[in-house]
Amino acid sequence: MAIIVTIDGPAGAGKSTVAKLLSKKLAFAYLDTGAMYRALTLKALNEKINLEDEEALVKLAKVTKLDLEDNPAGLKVLLDGKDVSQEIRTLEVTNNTFYIARAPKVREVMVDWQRSIGNKKNVVVEGRDTGTVVFPKAKYKFYLDADIAERSKRRFDELKQKGKDVNKELLTEELKDRDNKDLTRKVGPLKKAQDAISLDTTKLTIDEVVNTLYKHINKNG
C-alpha cells in the first residue's frame, strides 16, 4: 500500500514549499493538486471557454492530459505535453481557478486524476481538501495555517522575487477574497480533517515546519 501524506491549508500558509521539501526528505513523490486546477484553468482561458459553463469545463477536462514530473529544478507541470509550470502562476490564472475548483463535475474528474497518482506511489500531496475529500484515509494528515498578514507578506515576497510588480494592499484583499471562496464553496471546501494535526506556521521557518512534520511521521511510522 502506498503511503500518503496530506497537507491542507489556506493560500500562503507554506503548503507548497513544505510539501516539496518534505517529499524530498522522505524520498516520496510530490503531488500539487492546486497546480492541476491551475493548468485546467489556463487551458480554459486560452480556449475562451465560459468558466461558468460546467458542462463545457467537464468536456475540456476529459480531453486534457495532465502530468506532474518531479525534477531537480522543481515540479514540472505538463499540460497536453507542454511545460506550463510558469504560465499557471500568473495573476489571471490565480484569480480564475476558483471557477474550476467549485464545479462539482469537474472536481470529480480532477479527484480521479489525483487518486490515480496517489495510489501508485508514496506521495506528499497538498491542497485544500486532500485530507477530507481526495485521500480521506491517508495515513498522515496535516493542516497548516498562518495569520493573514504573514501569508500576504510571503506571497508578496514570492511574487517580487519573480520580478512581478505587486500592490501589497491589493494582494491582501485578494487573499481574503480567495479564503472566503475556498471556505464557502459547496464542493471540496477548505476544511481541516478531524484527524489532521494543525500547525500555525506564522512564526516558524520553513525548515522548522518541515522538521516538525518529518519527526511526527518518523515517530509514528
C-alpha atoms as a PDB file:
ATOM      1  CA  MET A   1       0.000   0.000   0.000  1.00  0.00           C
ATOM      2  CA  ALA A   2       1.270   3.460  -0.918  1.00  0.00           C
ATOM      3  CA  ILE A   3       1.853   5.877   1.971  1.00  0.00           C
ATOM      4  CA  ILE A   4       0.016   9.183   1.566  1.00  0.00           C
ATOM      5  CA  VAL A   5       0.821  12.377   3.467  1.00  0.00           C
ATOM      6  CA  THR A   6      -1.721  15.194   3.038  1.00  0.00           C
ATOM      7  CA  ILE A   7      -1.063  18.877   3.742  1.00  0.00           C
ATOM      8  CA  ASP A   8      -4.028  21.239   3.585  1.00  0.00           C
ATOM      9  CA  GLY A   9      -4.444  24.905   4.435  1.00  0.00           C
ATOM     10  CA  PRO A  10      -5.130  28.369   3.005  1.00  0.00           C
ATOM     11  CA  ALA A  11      -3.029  30.191   0.410  1.00  0.00           C
ATOM     12  CA  GLY A  12       0.281  31.463   1.785  1.00  0.00           C
ATOM     13  CA  ALA A  13       0.425  29.049   4.732  1.00  0.00           C
ATOM     14  CA  GLY A  14       3.554  27.442   3.285  1.00  0.00           C
ATOM     15  CA  LYS A  15       1.987  24.222   1.971  1.00  0.00           C
ATOM     16  CA  SER A  16       3.753  24.064  -1.388  1.00  0.00           C
ATOM     17  CA  THR A  17       7.262  24.794  -0.109  1.00  0.00           C
ATOM     18  CA  VAL A  18       6.836  22.466   2.870  1.00  0.00           C
ATOM     19  CA  ALA A  19       5.358  19.672   0.740  1.00  0.00           C
ATOM     20  CA  LYS A  20       8.223  19.881  -1.777  1.00  0.00           C
ATOM     21  CA  LEU A  21      10.921  19.758   0.909  1.00  0.00           C
ATOM     22  CA  LEU A  22       9.157  17.084   2.956  1.00  0.00           C
ATOM     23  CA  SER A  23       8.716  14.866  -0.098  1.00  0.00           C
ATOM     24  CA  LYS A  24      12.478  15.088  -0.777  1.00  0.00           C
ATOM     25  CA  LYS A  25      13.304  14.333   2.858  1.00  0.00           C
ATOM     26  CA  LEU A  26      11.015  11.282   2.789  1.00  0.00           C
ATOM     27  CA  ALA A  27      12.017  10.293  -0.779  1.00  0.00           C
ATOM     28  CA  PHE A  28       8.317  10.449  -1.748  1.00  0.00           C
ATOM     29  CA  ALA A  29       6.747  11.900  -4.890  1.00  0.00           C
ATOM     30  CA  TYR A  30       5.220  15.398  -4.641  1.00  0.00           C
ATOM     31  CA  LEU A  31       1.632  15.981  -5.787  1.00  0.00           C
ATOM     32  CA  ASP A  32       0.437  19.587  -6.108  1.00  0.00           C
ATOM     33  CA  THR A  33      -3.346  19.423  -6.592  1.00  0.00           C
ATOM     34  CA  GLY A  34      -3.560  23.195  -6.970  1.00  0.00           C
ATOM     35  CA  ALA A  35      -1.247  23.050  -9.985  1.00  0.00           C
ATOM     36  CA  MET A  36      -3.683  20.649 -11.657  1.00  0.00           C
ATOM     37  CA  TYR A  37      -6.613  23.056 -11.183  1.00  0.00           C
ATOM     38  CA  ARG A  38      -4.458  25.928 -12.390  1.00  0.00           C
ATOM     39  CA  ALA A  39      -3.439  24.014 -15.520  1.00  0.00           C
ATOM     40  CA  LEU A  40      -7.042  23.303 -16.490  1.00  0.00           C
ATOM     41  CA  THR A  41      -7.916  26.956 -15.772  1.00  0.00           C
ATOM     42  CA  LEU A  42      -5.105  28.057 -18.087  1.00  0.00           C
ATOM     43  CA  LYS A  43      -6.383  25.815 -20.870  1.00  0.00           C
ATOM     44  CA  ALA A  44      -9.957  27.053 -20.412  1.00  0.00           C
ATOM     45  CA  LEU A  45      -8.785  30.684 -20.588  1.00  0.00           C
ATOM     46  CA  ASN A  46      -6.641  30.012 -23.672  1.00  0.00           C
ATOM     47  CA  GLU A  47      -9.549  28.308 -25.440  1.00  0.00           C
ATOM     48  CA  LYS A  48     -12.002  31.057 -24.401  1.00  0.00           C
ATOM     49  CA  ILE A  49     -14.240  28.572 -22.566  1.00  0.00           C
ATOM     50  CA  ASN A  50     -17.039  30.121 -20.496  1.00  0.00           C
ATOM     51  CA  LEU A  51     -15.834  29.489 -16.941  1.00  0.00           C
ATOM     52  CA  GLU A  52     -19.438  29.457 -15.715  1.00  0.00           C
ATOM     53  CA  ASP A  53     -20.327  26.594 -18.096  1.00  0.00           C
ATOM     54  CA  GLU A  54     -19.705  23.436 -16.068  1.00  0.00           C
ATOM     55  CA  GLU A  55     -20.529  21.023 -18.889  1.00  0.00           C
ATOM     56  CA  ALA A  56     -18.050  22.745 -21.200  1.00  0.00           C
ATOM     57  CA  LEU A  57     -15.388  22.536 -18.474  1.00  0.00           C
ATOM     58  CA  VAL A  58     -16.052  18.812 -17.906  1.00  0.00           C
ATOM     59  CA  LYS A  59     -15.797  18.201 -21.645  1.00  0.00           C
ATOM     60  CA  LEU A  60     -12.484  20.084 -21.677  1.00  0.00           C
ATOM     61  CA  ALA A  61     -11.149  18.132 -18.691  1.00  0.00           C
ATOM     62  CA  LYS A  62     -11.943  14.801 -20.324  1.00  0.00           C
ATOM     63  CA  VAL A  63      -9.808  15.608 -23.379  1.00  0.00           C
ATOM     64  CA  THR A  64      -6.946  17.090 -21.362  1.00  0.00           C
ATOM     65  CA  LYS A  65      -3.733  15.274 -20.489  1.00  0.00           C
ATOM     66  CA  LEU A  66      -2.068  16.421 -17.289  1.00  0.00           C
ATOM     67  CA  ASP A  67       1.250  15.162 -15.950  1.00  0.00           C
ATOM     68  CA  LEU A  68       3.318  16.213 -12.947  1.00  0.00           C
ATOM     69  CA  GLU A  69       7.029  15.449 -13.046  1.00  0.00           C
ATOM     70  CA  ASP A  70       9.473  15.783 -10.167  1.00  0.00           C
ATOM     71  CA  ASN A  71      12.867  17.127 -11.205  1.00  0.00           C
ATOM     72  CA  PRO A  72      15.797  18.943  -9.514  1.00  0.00           C
ATOM     73  CA  ALA A  73      14.544  22.343 -10.708  1.00  0.00           C
ATOM     74  CA  GLY A  74      11.141  21.793  -9.128  1.00  0.00           C
ATOM     75  CA  LEU A  75       7.780  20.324 -10.091  1.00  0.00           C
ATOM     76  CA  LYS A  76       7.159  20.379 -13.825  1.00  0.00           C
ATOM     77  CA  VAL A  77       3.516  20.713 -14.885  1.00  0.00           C
ATOM     78  CA  LEU A  78       2.815  19.320 -18.329  1.00  0.00           C
ATOM     79  CA  LEU A  79      -0.442  20.330 -19.995  1.00  0.00           C
ATOM     80  CA  ASP A  80      -1.087  18.236 -23.103  1.00  0.00           C
ATOM     81  CA  GLY A  81       2.664  17.648 -23.286  1.00  0.00           C
ATOM     82  CA  LYS A  82       3.662  21.316 -22.876  1.00  0.00           C
ATOM     83  CA  ASP A  83       5.507  22.645 -19.813  1.00  0.00           C
ATOM     84  CA  VAL A  84       3.239  25.307 -18.290  1.00  0.00           C
ATOM     85  CA  SER A  85       4.913  25.478 -14.859  1.00  0.00           C
ATOM     86  CA  GLN A  86       5.367  29.263 -15.103  1.00  0.00           C
ATOM     87  CA  GLU A  87       2.197  30.136 -17.033  1.00  0.00           C
ATOM     88  CA  ILE A  88      -0.098  28.655 -14.384  1.00  0.00           C
ATOM     89  CA  ARG A  89       1.268  31.070 -11.742  1.00  0.00           C
ATOM     90  CA  THR A  90       0.017  34.277 -13.397  1.00  0.00           C
ATOM     91  CA  LEU A  91      -2.450  36.510 -11.549  1.00  0.00           C
ATOM     92  CA  GLU A  92      -5.099  35.888 -14.230  1.00  0.00           C
ATOM     93  CA  VAL A  93      -4.960  32.131 -13.650  1.00  0.00           C
ATOM     94  CA  THR A  94      -4.838  32.572  -9.860  1.00  0.00           C
ATOM     95  CA  ASN A  95      -7.954  34.766  -9.854  1.00  0.00           C
ATOM     96  CA  ASN A  96      -9.961  32.401 -12.081  1.00  0.00           C
ATOM     97  CA  THR A  97      -9.059  28.984 -10.671  1.00  0.00           C
ATOM     98  CA  PHE A  98     -11.993  29.084  -8.243  1.00  0.00           C
ATOM     99  CA  TYR A  99     -14.389  28.580 -11.195  1.00  0.00           C
ATOM    100  CA  ILE A 100     -12.793  25.182 -11.828  1.00  0.00           C
ATOM    101  CA  ALA A 101     -12.468  24.331  -8.133  1.00  0.00           C
ATOM    102  CA  ARG A 102     -16.133  24.968  -7.342  1.00  0.00           C
ATOM    103  CA  ALA A 103     -17.616  22.939 -10.226  1.00  0.00           C
ATOM    104  CA  PRO A 104     -18.662  19.524  -8.790  1.00  0.00           C
ATOM    105  CA  LYS A 105     -18.424  17.500 -12.018  1.00  0.00           C
ATOM    106  CA  VAL A 106     -15.032  18.983 -12.883  1.00  0.00           C
ATOM    107  CA  ARG A 107     -13.733  18.196  -9.396  1.00  0.00           C
ATOM    108  CA  GLU A 108     -14.817  14.577  -9.845  1.00  0.00           C
ATOM    109  CA  VAL A 109     -12.534  14.291 -12.883  1.00  0.00           C
ATOM    110  CA  MET A 110      -9.678  16.047 -11.068  1.00  0.00           C
ATOM    111  CA  VAL A 111     -10.011  13.924  -7.921  1.00  0.00           C
ATOM    112  CA  ASP A 112      -9.889  10.757 -10.059  1.00  0.00           C
ATOM    113  CA  TRP A 113      -6.633  12.007 -11.593  1.00  0.00           C
ATOM    114  CA  GLN A 114      -5.191  12.782  -8.166  1.00  0.00           C
ATOM    115  CA  ARG A 115      -6.166   9.416  -6.685  1.00  0.00           C
ATOM    116  CA  SER A 116      -4.728   7.522  -9.645  1.00  0.00           C
ATOM    117  CA  ILE A 117      -1.368   9.189  -8.977  1.00  0.00           C
ATOM    118  CA  GLY A 118      -1.517   8.816  -5.190  1.00  0.00           C
ATOM    119  CA  ASN A 119      -2.483   5.155  -5.230  1.00  0.00           C
ATOM    120  CA  LYS A 120       0.559   4.164  -7.295  1.00  0.00           C
ATOM    121  CA  LYS A 121       3.390   5.508  -5.144  1.00  0.00           C
ATOM    122  CA  ASN A 122       4.253   7.124  -1.825  1.00  0.00           C
ATOM    123  CA  VAL A 123       3.290  10.801  -2.074  1.00  0.00           C
ATOM    124  CA  VAL A 124       3.160  14.063  -0.205  1.00  0.00           C
ATOM    125  CA  VAL A 125       0.074  15.840  -1.515  1.00  0.00           C
ATOM    126  CA  GLU A 126      -1.032  19.385  -0.787  1.00  0.00           C
ATOM    127  CA  GLY A 127      -4.152  21.380  -1.485  1.00  0.00           C
ATOM    128  CA  ARG A 128      -7.403  22.487   0.131  1.00  0.00           C
ATOM    129  CA  ASP A 129      -9.273  19.197   0.572  1.00  0.00           C
ATOM    130  CA  THR A 130      -6.656  16.472   0.222  1.00  0.00           C
ATOM    131  CA  GLY A 131      -7.210  15.093   3.723  1.00  0.00           C
ATOM    132  CA  THR A 132     -11.002  15.449   3.691  1.00  0.00           C
ATOM    133  CA  VAL A 133     -12.049  14.537   0.134  1.00  0.00           C
ATOM    134  CA  VAL A 134      -9.213  13.277  -2.058  1.00  0.00           C
ATOM    135  CA  PHE A 135      -7.450  10.981   0.409  1.00  0.00           C
ATOM    136  CA  PRO A 136      -9.718  10.691   3.498  1.00  0.00           C
ATOM    137  CA  LYS A 137      -7.894   7.513   4.581  1.00  0.00           C
ATOM    138  CA  ALA A 138      -4.381   8.962   4.264  1.00  0.00           C
ATOM    139  CA  LYS A 139      -2.002   7.714   6.959  1.00  0.00           C
ATOM    140  CA  TYR A 140      -0.674  11.178   7.831  1.00  0.00           C
ATOM    141  CA  LYS A 141      -2.672  14.408   7.655  1.00  0.00           C
ATOM    142  CA  PHE A 142      -1.535  17.944   8.437  1.00  0.00           C
ATOM    143  CA  TYR A 143      -3.238  21.338   8.326  1.00  0.00           C
ATOM    144  CA  LEU A 144      -1.001  24.410   8.040  1.00  0.00           C
ATOM    145  CA  ASP A 145      -2.173  27.940   8.769  1.00  0.00           C
ATOM    146  CA  ALA A 146      -0.736  31.403   9.436  1.00  0.00           C
ATOM    147  CA  ASP A 147      -2.218  34.828  10.098  1.00  0.00           C
ATOM    148  CA  ILE A 148      -3.318  36.878   7.090  1.00  0.00           C
ATOM    149  CA  ALA A 149      -0.536  39.478   7.456  1.00  0.00           C
ATOM    150  CA  GLU A 150       2.168  36.815   7.345  1.00  0.00           C
ATOM    151  CA  ARG A 151       0.540  34.928   4.473  1.00  0.00           C
ATOM    152  CA  SER A 152       0.214  38.147   2.493  1.00  0.00           C
ATOM    153  CA  LYS A 153       3.879  39.036   3.158  1.00  0.00           C
ATOM    154  CA  ARG A 154       5.019  35.586   1.974  1.00  0.00           C
ATOM    155  CA  ARG A 155       3.018  35.828  -1.238  1.00  0.00           C
ATOM    156  CA  PHE A 156       4.237  39.412  -1.819  1.00  0.00           C
ATOM    157  CA  ASP A 157       7.893  38.389  -1.360  1.00  0.00           C
ATOM    158  CA  GLU A 158       7.426  35.379  -3.628  1.00  0.00           C
ATOM    159  CA  LEU A 159       5.972  37.472  -6.453  1.00  0.00           C
ATOM    160  CA  LYS A 160       8.585  40.216  -6.045  1.00  0.00           C
ATOM    161  CA  GLN A 161      11.365  37.619  -6.326  1.00  0.00           C
ATOM    162  CA  LYS A 162       9.851  36.586  -9.643  1.00  0.00           C
ATOM    163  CA  GLY A 163      10.049  40.178 -10.835  1.00  0.00           C
ATOM    164  CA  LYS A 164       6.299  40.831 -10.594  1.00  0.00           C
ATOM    165  CA  ASP A 165       5.027  44.329  -9.803  1.00  0.00           C
ATOM    166  CA  VAL A 166       2.595  43.821  -6.930  1.00  0.00           C
ATOM    167  CA  ASN A 167       0.411  46.090  -4.792  1.00  0.00           C
ATOM    168  CA  LYS A 168       0.647  44.713  -1.248  1.00  0.00           C
ATOM    169  CA  GLU A 169      -2.734  46.055  -0.071  1.00  0.00           C
ATOM    170  CA  LEU A 170      -4.487  44.705  -3.163  1.00  0.00           C
ATOM    171  CA  LEU A 171      -2.736  41.364  -2.693  1.00  0.00           C
ATOM    172  CA  THR A 172      -4.018  41.130   0.896  1.00  0.00           C
ATOM    173  CA  GLU A 173      -7.583  41.844  -0.237  1.00  0.00           C
ATOM    174  CA  GLU A 174      -7.302  39.225  -2.992  1.00  0.00           C
ATOM    175  CA  LEU A 175      -6.018  36.717  -0.429  1.00  0.00           C
ATOM    176  CA  LYS A 176      -9.003  37.427   1.853  1.00  0.00           C
ATOM    177  CA  ASP A 177     -11.365  37.017  -1.097  1.00  0.00           C
ATOM    178  CA  ARG A 178      -9.692  33.735  -2.020  1.00  0.00           C
ATOM    179  CA  ASP A 179     -10.001  32.494   1.573  1.00  0.00           C
ATOM    180  CA  ASN A 180     -13.707  33.273   1.508  1.00  0.00           C
ATOM    181  CA  LYS A 181     -14.223  31.427  -1.784  1.00  0.00           C
ATOM    182  CA  ASP A 182     -12.208  28.421  -0.568  1.00  0.00           C
ATOM    183  CA  LEU A 183     -14.069  28.215   2.736  1.00  0.00           C
ATOM    184  CA  THR A 184     -17.595  28.713   1.408  1.00  0.00           C
ATOM    185  CA  ARG A 185     -17.688  26.747  -1.840  1.00  0.00           C
ATOM    186  CA  LYS A 186     -20.166  23.871  -1.760  1.00  0.00           C
ATOM    187  CA  VAL A 187     -17.821  21.214  -3.129  1.00  0.00           C
ATOM    188  CA  GLY A 188     -14.458  20.343  -1.558  1.00  0.00           C
ATOM    189  CA  PRO A 189     -14.212  23.457   0.638  1.00  0.00           C
ATOM    190  CA  LEU A 190     -11.080  24.311   2.587  1.00  0.00           C
ATOM    191  CA  LYS A 191     -11.554  22.367   5.797  1.00  0.00           C
ATOM    192  CA  LYS A 192      -9.355  20.739   8.413  1.00  0.00           C
ATOM    193  CA  ALA A 193      -9.795  16.964   8.569  1.00  0.00           C
ATOM    194  CA  GLN A 194     -10.835  15.835  12.049  1.00  0.00           C
ATOM    195  CA  ASP A 195      -7.774  13.589  12.314  1.00  0.00           C
ATOM    196  CA  ALA A 196      -5.317  16.145  10.916  1.00  0.00           C
ATOM    197  CA  ILE A 197      -2.569  17.720  13.019  1.00  0.00           C
ATOM    198  CA  SER A 198      -2.737  21.534  12.955  1.00  0.00           C
ATOM    199  CA  LEU A 199       0.351  23.713  12.851  1.00  0.00           C
ATOM    200  CA  ASP A 200       0.453  27.526  12.956  1.00  0.00           C
ATOM    201  CA  THR A 201       3.414  28.481  10.770  1.00  0.00           C
ATOM    202  CA  THR A 202       3.243  32.259  11.387  1.00  0.00           C
ATOM    203  CA  LYS A 203       6.429  32.416  13.490  1.00  0.00           C
ATOM    204  CA  LEU A 204       8.109  29.268  12.187  1.00  0.00           C
ATOM    205  CA  THR A 205      10.758  28.948   9.495  1.00  0.00           C
ATOM    206  CA  ILE A 206      10.173  26.566   6.595  1.00  0.00           C
ATOM    207  CA  ASP A 207      12.826  24.193   7.982  1.00  0.00           C
ATOM    208  CA  GLU A 208      11.146  24.170  11.394  1.00  0.00           C
ATOM    209  CA  VAL A 209       7.813  23.232   9.822  1.00  0.00           C
ATOM    210  CA  VAL A 210       9.342  20.515   7.635  1.00  0.00           C
ATOM    211  CA  ASN A 211      11.260  19.027  10.570  1.00  0.00           C
ATOM    212  CA  THR A 212       8.157  19.040  12.781  1.00  0.00           C
ATOM    213  CA  LEU A 213       6.159  17.084  10.180  1.00  0.00           C
ATOM    214  CA  TYR A 214       9.068  14.768   9.432  1.00  0.00           C
ATOM    215  CA  LYS A 215       9.590  13.921  13.113  1.00  0.00           C
ATOM    216  CA  HIS A 216       5.906  13.159  13.564  1.00  0.00           C
ATOM    217  CA  ILE A 217       5.906  10.791  10.569  1.00  0.00           C
ATOM    218  CA  ASN A 218       9.092   9.059  11.737  1.00  0.00           C
ATOM    219  CA  LYS A 219       7.824   8.760  15.303  1.00  0.00           C
ATOM    220  CA  ASN A 220       4.549   7.198  14.132  1.00  0.00           C
ATOM    221  CA  GLY A 221       5.948   5.207  11.207  1.00  0.00           C
END
